[in-house]
Amino acid sequence: MRKRFVETVERPFRVSYADAMDEYRVDIDKPWLSVADICEYMDVSTFVVTSVLRSGELPAVKFGREWRVSRDDFERWINEQRGALDSPETRPSAAAES
């Protein structure tokens, strides 16, 4: 039986999209954000924001009928979402590309 020799090919270091980007900072002076603040900042409807809050995806507290989100939690969530864009789950499969 013949031995096969495999050359080791060095591949350039691949940096993900999220790692290449600087961490995103929210330019709002309030420590706690309301649904209206997030809607205005992200230019989305209240339905979109409240559905994310109800799912628990974005950490928040509820005071009576009002939701409040920590600015730090909101920044962290945005940066996690940007990182999710480069995750293997969101990449198209090789079969779909063929």
N, C-alpha and C. Protein backbone atom coordinates (compact mmCIF):
# COMPACT_ATOMS: atom_id res chain seq x y z
N MET A 1 0.85 -1.17 0.00
CA MET A 1 0.00 0.00 0.00
C MET A 1 0.89 1.23 0.00
N ARG A 2 0.56 2.15 -0.86
CA ARG A 2 1.34 3.37 -0.99
C ARG A 2 0.91 4.41 0.04
N LYS A 3 1.86 5.14 0.60
CA LYS A 3 1.54 6.22 1.52
C LYS A 3 1.25 7.48 0.73
N ARG A 4 0.28 8.20 1.19
CA ARG A 4 -0.04 9.46 0.53
C ARG A 4 0.52 10.60 1.36
N PHE A 5 1.15 11.51 0.70
CA PHE A 5 1.68 12.68 1.38
C PHE A 5 0.77 13.87 1.07
N VAL A 6 0.38 14.50 2.10
CA VAL A 6 -0.51 15.65 1.95
C VAL A 6 0.25 16.88 2.37
N GLU A 7 0.29 17.84 1.48
CA GLU A 7 0.94 19.10 1.81
C GLU A 7 0.01 19.93 2.68
N THR A 8 0.60 20.55 3.66
CA THR A 8 -0.18 21.45 4.49
C THR A 8 -0.17 22.81 3.84
N VAL A 9 -1.33 23.29 3.56
CA VAL A 9 -1.47 24.59 2.92
C VAL A 9 -1.91 25.58 3.98
N GLU A 10 -1.13 26.61 4.13
CA GLU A 10 -1.51 27.64 5.08
C GLU A 10 -2.55 28.54 4.44
N ARG A 11 -3.63 28.70 5.14
CA ARG A 11 -4.68 29.57 4.65
C ARG A 11 -4.60 30.89 5.37
N PRO A 12 -4.90 31.95 4.69
CA PRO A 12 -4.89 33.25 5.37
C PRO A 12 -5.94 33.26 6.47
N PHE A 13 -5.64 33.95 7.52
CA PHE A 13 -6.56 34.05 8.65
C PHE A 13 -7.82 34.76 8.19
N ARG A 14 -8.94 34.12 8.41
CA ARG A 14 -10.22 34.70 7.97
C ARG A 14 -10.89 35.35 9.17
N VAL A 15 -11.22 36.61 9.03
CA VAL A 15 -11.88 37.36 10.08
C VAL A 15 -13.35 37.48 9.73
N SER A 16 -14.19 37.19 10.71
CA SER A 16 -15.63 37.29 10.46
C SER A 16 -16.03 38.76 10.33
N TYR A 17 -17.17 38.95 9.76
CA TYR A 17 -17.70 40.30 9.57
C TYR A 17 -17.83 41.02 10.91
N ALA A 18 -18.38 40.33 11.91
CA ALA A 18 -18.59 40.95 13.22
C ALA A 18 -17.27 41.30 13.90
N ASP A 19 -16.25 40.46 13.75
CA ASP A 19 -14.96 40.74 14.36
C ASP A 19 -14.24 41.89 13.67
N ALA A 20 -14.50 42.06 12.40
CA ALA A 20 -13.84 43.13 11.65
C ALA A 20 -14.44 44.49 11.96
N MET A 21 -15.66 44.51 12.43
CA MET A 21 -16.35 45.76 12.71
C MET A 21 -16.10 46.18 14.14
N ASP A 22 -16.05 47.47 14.36
CA ASP A 22 -15.96 47.99 15.71
C ASP A 22 -17.28 47.75 16.42
N GLU A 23 -17.21 47.67 17.75
CA GLU A 23 -18.43 47.49 18.52
C GLU A 23 -19.31 48.72 18.35
N TYR A 24 -20.58 48.48 18.16
CA TYR A 24 -21.53 49.55 17.90
C TYR A 24 -21.95 50.22 19.20
N ARG A 25 -22.02 51.53 19.20
CA ARG A 25 -22.45 52.32 20.36
C ARG A 25 -23.72 53.09 20.02
N VAL A 26 -24.67 53.11 20.95
CA VAL A 26 -25.93 53.82 20.76
C VAL A 26 -25.77 55.24 21.29
N ASP A 27 -26.08 56.21 20.44
CA ASP A 27 -25.91 57.62 20.81
C ASP A 27 -27.19 58.22 21.39
N ILE A 28 -27.62 57.65 22.51
CA ILE A 28 -28.78 58.18 23.22
C ILE A 28 -28.32 58.44 24.65
N ASP A 29 -28.65 59.61 25.18
CA ASP A 29 -28.15 60.00 26.50
C ASP A 29 -28.89 59.35 27.66
N LYS A 30 -29.97 58.65 27.42
CA LYS A 30 -30.75 58.04 28.50
C LYS A 30 -30.16 56.69 28.90
N PRO A 31 -30.16 56.37 30.20
CA PRO A 31 -29.69 55.03 30.61
C PRO A 31 -30.75 53.95 30.34
N TRP A 32 -32.03 54.31 30.31
CA TRP A 32 -33.12 53.38 30.02
C TRP A 32 -33.90 53.88 28.80
N LEU A 33 -34.18 52.98 27.88
CA LEU A 33 -34.85 53.32 26.63
C LEU A 33 -36.28 52.78 26.64
N SER A 34 -37.19 53.56 26.11
CA SER A 34 -38.57 53.10 25.96
C SER A 34 -38.72 52.45 24.58
N VAL A 35 -39.87 51.84 24.36
CA VAL A 35 -40.16 51.25 23.06
C VAL A 35 -40.12 52.35 21.99
N ALA A 36 -40.66 53.51 22.31
CA ALA A 36 -40.66 54.63 21.35
C ALA A 36 -39.23 55.07 21.01
N ASP A 37 -38.34 55.09 22.01
CA ASP A 37 -36.94 55.46 21.76
C ASP A 37 -36.29 54.48 20.78
N ILE A 38 -36.52 53.19 21.01
CA ILE A 38 -35.92 52.16 20.15
C ILE A 38 -36.53 52.22 18.75
N CYS A 39 -37.84 52.43 18.68
CA CYS A 39 -38.52 52.54 17.36
C CYS A 39 -37.93 53.69 16.56
N GLU A 40 -37.78 54.83 17.21
CA GLU A 40 -37.24 56.00 16.52
C GLU A 40 -35.79 55.76 16.10
N TYR A 41 -35.01 55.18 16.99
CA TYR A 41 -33.58 54.96 16.71
C TYR A 41 -33.37 53.96 15.58
N MET A 42 -34.15 52.87 15.60
CA MET A 42 -33.98 51.80 14.61
C MET A 42 -34.87 51.99 13.38
N ASP A 43 -35.79 52.96 13.43
CA ASP A 43 -36.73 53.22 12.34
C ASP A 43 -37.55 51.96 12.01
N VAL A 44 -38.15 51.41 13.07
CA VAL A 44 -39.04 50.25 12.92
C VAL A 44 -40.32 50.54 13.68
N SER A 45 -41.32 49.68 13.49
CA SER A 45 -42.61 49.87 14.15
C SER A 45 -42.57 49.36 15.59
N THR A 46 -43.57 49.79 16.37
CA THR A 46 -43.67 49.32 17.75
C THR A 46 -43.93 47.82 17.79
N PHE A 47 -44.62 47.30 16.79
CA PHE A 47 -44.89 45.86 16.71
C PHE A 47 -43.58 45.07 16.67
N VAL A 48 -42.64 45.52 15.89
CA VAL A 48 -41.35 44.83 15.77
C VAL A 48 -40.62 44.82 17.12
N VAL A 49 -40.55 45.98 17.75
CA VAL A 49 -39.83 46.08 19.02
C VAL A 49 -40.52 45.26 20.10
N THR A 50 -41.83 45.39 20.25
CA THR A 50 -42.51 44.65 21.31
C THR A 50 -42.47 43.15 21.09
N SER A 51 -42.47 42.70 19.86
CA SER A 51 -42.37 41.25 19.62
C SER A 51 -40.99 40.73 20.03
N VAL A 52 -39.95 41.50 19.81
CA VAL A 52 -38.61 41.11 20.25
C VAL A 52 -38.53 41.11 21.78
N LEU A 53 -39.17 42.10 22.41
CA LEU A 53 -39.18 42.16 23.87
C LEU A 53 -39.98 41.00 24.47
N ARG A 54 -41.13 40.71 23.91
CA ARG A 54 -41.96 39.61 24.42
C ARG A 54 -41.28 38.26 24.28
N SER A 55 -40.50 38.09 23.23
CA SER A 55 -39.81 36.81 23.02
C SER A 55 -38.67 36.62 24.02
N GLY A 56 -38.24 37.72 24.66
CA GLY A 56 -37.13 37.62 25.62
C GLY A 56 -35.78 37.72 24.96
N GLU A 57 -35.77 37.91 23.66
CA GLU A 57 -34.51 38.02 22.92
C GLU A 57 -33.71 39.25 23.34
N LEU A 58 -34.41 40.33 23.59
CA LEU A 58 -33.79 41.57 24.07
C LEU A 58 -34.19 41.74 25.53
N PRO A 59 -33.23 41.73 26.45
CA PRO A 59 -33.57 41.86 27.88
C PRO A 59 -34.24 43.20 28.17
N ALA A 60 -35.31 43.15 28.95
CA ALA A 60 -36.05 44.36 29.28
C ALA A 60 -36.78 44.14 30.60
N VAL A 61 -37.27 45.24 31.16
CA VAL A 61 -38.13 45.19 32.34
C VAL A 61 -39.43 45.88 31.98
N LYS A 62 -40.48 45.46 32.66
CA LYS A 62 -41.78 46.05 32.36
C LYS A 62 -42.30 46.71 33.63
N PHE A 63 -42.59 48.01 33.54
CA PHE A 63 -43.17 48.78 34.63
C PHE A 63 -44.62 49.04 34.26
N GLY A 64 -45.53 48.28 34.86
CA GLY A 64 -46.94 48.41 34.48
C GLY A 64 -47.12 47.98 33.04
N ARG A 65 -47.51 48.92 32.19
CA ARG A 65 -47.71 48.63 30.77
C ARG A 65 -46.55 49.10 29.91
N GLU A 66 -45.52 49.64 30.52
CA GLU A 66 -44.38 50.22 29.78
C GLU A 66 -43.15 49.32 29.84
N TRP A 67 -42.52 49.12 28.71
CA TRP A 67 -41.25 48.38 28.64
C TRP A 67 -40.10 49.36 28.75
N ARG A 68 -39.03 48.95 29.41
CA ARG A 68 -37.79 49.73 29.46
C ARG A 68 -36.62 48.79 29.20
N VAL A 69 -35.69 49.27 28.39
CA VAL A 69 -34.51 48.50 28.01
C VAL A 69 -33.28 49.30 28.41
N SER A 70 -32.36 48.65 29.08
CA SER A 70 -31.10 49.29 29.43
C SER A 70 -30.33 49.61 28.15
N ARG A 71 -29.74 50.79 28.09
CA ARG A 71 -28.98 51.16 26.89
C ARG A 71 -27.83 50.17 26.67
N ASP A 72 -27.19 49.73 27.75
CA ASP A 72 -26.09 48.75 27.62
C ASP A 72 -26.59 47.43 27.05
N ASP A 73 -27.75 46.96 27.52
CA ASP A 73 -28.33 45.73 26.97
C ASP A 73 -28.69 45.89 25.50
N PHE A 74 -29.21 47.06 25.15
CA PHE A 74 -29.56 47.33 23.76
C PHE A 74 -28.32 47.31 22.87
N GLU A 75 -27.24 47.95 23.31
CA GLU A 75 -25.99 47.93 22.54
C GLU A 75 -25.46 46.51 22.39
N ARG A 76 -25.48 45.75 23.48
CA ARG A 76 -24.99 44.37 23.45
C ARG A 76 -25.83 43.54 22.48
N TRP A 77 -27.14 43.73 22.51
CA TRP A 77 -28.03 42.98 21.63
C TRP A 77 -27.76 43.31 20.16
N ILE A 78 -27.57 44.59 19.86
CA ILE A 78 -27.27 44.99 18.48
C ILE A 78 -25.98 44.33 18.01
N ASN A 79 -24.95 44.35 18.83
CA ASN A 79 -23.68 43.74 18.45
C ASN A 79 -23.78 42.23 18.30
N GLU A 80 -24.62 41.58 19.13
CA GLU A 80 -24.84 40.14 18.97
C GLU A 80 -25.56 39.85 17.66
N GLN A 81 -26.51 40.69 17.29
CA GLN A 81 -27.23 40.51 16.03
C GLN A 81 -26.30 40.65 14.84
N ARG A 82 -25.37 41.58 14.92
CA ARG A 82 -24.39 41.76 13.85
C ARG A 82 -23.50 40.53 13.75
N GLY A 83 -23.14 39.95 14.90
CA GLY A 83 -22.33 38.74 14.92
C GLY A 83 -23.08 37.55 14.37
N ALA A 84 -24.39 37.52 14.57
CA ALA A 84 -25.20 36.41 14.07
C ALA A 84 -25.26 36.38 12.55
N LEU A 85 -25.01 37.51 11.92
CA LEU A 85 -25.02 37.56 10.45
C LEU A 85 -23.94 36.69 9.85
N ASP A 86 -22.85 36.46 10.61
CA ASP A 86 -21.73 35.70 10.10
C ASP A 86 -21.69 34.28 10.66
N SER A 87 -22.72 33.87 11.39
CA SER A 87 -22.71 32.54 12.00
C SER A 87 -23.01 31.48 10.95
N PRO A 88 -22.58 30.24 11.19
CA PRO A 88 -22.83 29.16 10.22
C PRO A 88 -24.32 28.92 9.97
N GLU A 89 -25.18 29.20 10.97
CA GLU A 89 -26.61 28.97 10.79
C GLU A 89 -27.21 29.91 9.76
N THR A 90 -26.65 31.11 9.60
CA THR A 90 -27.22 32.06 8.66
C THR A 90 -26.55 32.02 7.29
N ARG A 91 -25.50 31.26 7.16
CA ARG A 91 -24.84 31.12 5.85
C ARG A 91 -25.61 30.14 4.99
N PRO A 92 -25.68 30.39 3.69
CA PRO A 92 -26.35 29.41 2.81
C PRO A 92 -25.55 28.14 2.75
N SER A 93 -26.22 27.01 2.67
CA SER A 93 -25.52 25.73 2.63
C SER A 93 -24.89 25.53 1.26
N ALA A 94 -23.94 24.63 1.20
CA ALA A 94 -23.25 24.33 -0.06
C ALA A 94 -24.22 23.76 -1.07
N ALA A 95 -25.21 23.00 -0.60
CA ALA A 95 -26.20 22.40 -1.51
C ALA A 95 -27.07 23.49 -2.14
N ALA A 96 -27.37 24.51 -1.36
CA ALA A 96 -28.22 25.59 -1.89
C ALA A 96 -27.48 26.43 -2.90
N GLU A 97 -26.15 26.48 -2.77
CA GLU A 97 -25.35 27.28 -3.69
C GLU A 97 -25.16 26.61 -5.04
N SER A 98 -25.32 25.27 -5.08
CA SER A 98 -25.11 24.53 -6.33
C SER A 98 -26.26 24.67 -7.26
